[in-house]
Amino acid sequence: MKIYCCLEHTDLALDVMVDEIELAPVFEKIENSTDKKGCEYCDNEAVYVVGD
């Protein structure tokens, strides 16, 4: 499971992942322009990906 999020929704994405997997999630800044996606919580561009 991966959640793409903007800077504003980073806390929400981390909370959701901790609730889902009950472990500390992997938290990475999106560097590669081919990985750019939209935030899953708003219309902004995703800056981070949170995953398991």
Protein backbone atom coordinates (compact mmCIF):
# COMPACT_ATOMS: atom_id res chain seq x y z
CA MET A 1 0.00 0.00 0.00
CA LYS A 2 1.29 3.46 -0.90
CA ILE A 3 -0.20 6.86 -0.18
CA TYR A 4 0.90 9.86 -2.22
CA CYS A 5 0.50 13.12 -0.31
CA CYS A 6 1.29 16.81 -0.39
CA LEU A 7 3.14 18.56 2.42
CA GLU A 8 -0.13 19.62 4.07
CA HIS A 9 -1.46 16.06 4.36
CA THR A 10 1.74 14.29 5.44
CA ASP A 11 0.52 13.80 9.03
CA LEU A 12 -2.76 12.29 7.84
CA ALA A 13 -1.00 9.86 5.49
CA LEU A 14 1.39 8.75 8.25
CA ASP A 15 -1.50 8.24 10.69
CA VAL A 16 -3.45 6.17 8.15
CA MET A 17 -0.46 3.94 7.41
CA VAL A 18 0.33 3.37 11.10
CA ASP A 19 -3.32 2.42 11.69
CA GLU A 20 -3.28 0.05 8.69
CA ILE A 21 0.03 -1.77 9.14
CA GLU A 22 0.66 -1.12 12.87
CA LEU A 23 4.35 -0.45 12.15
CA ALA A 24 6.40 2.59 11.26
CA PRO A 25 5.83 3.25 7.54
CA VAL A 26 8.44 4.05 4.90
CA PHE A 27 8.38 7.80 4.25
CA GLU A 28 10.14 9.07 1.11
CA LYS A 29 10.32 12.39 -0.69
CA ILE A 30 9.43 12.11 -4.38
CA GLU A 31 12.53 13.14 -6.31
CA ASN A 32 11.93 11.66 -9.75
CA SER A 33 9.56 13.66 -11.95
CA THR A 34 8.18 10.43 -13.48
CA ASP A 35 6.86 9.44 -10.03
CA LYS A 36 4.87 12.67 -9.61
CA LYS A 37 1.24 12.05 -8.77
CA GLY A 38 -1.53 13.98 -7.12
CA CYS A 39 -2.18 14.04 -3.38
CA GLU A 40 -4.77 11.46 -2.38
CA TYR A 41 -6.47 13.97 -0.06
CA CYS A 42 -6.61 17.12 -2.23
CA ASP A 43 -5.78 18.44 -5.72
CA ASN A 44 -2.18 19.44 -4.91
CA GLU A 45 0.87 17.68 -6.34
CA ALA A 46 2.23 14.89 -4.15
CA VAL A 47 5.58 15.61 -2.49
CA TYR A 48 5.91 12.45 -0.38
CA VAL A 49 5.01 8.79 -0.69
CA VAL A 50 4.17 6.85 2.47
CA GLY A 51 4.19 3.07 2.20
CA ASP A 52 4.76 -0.23 3.91
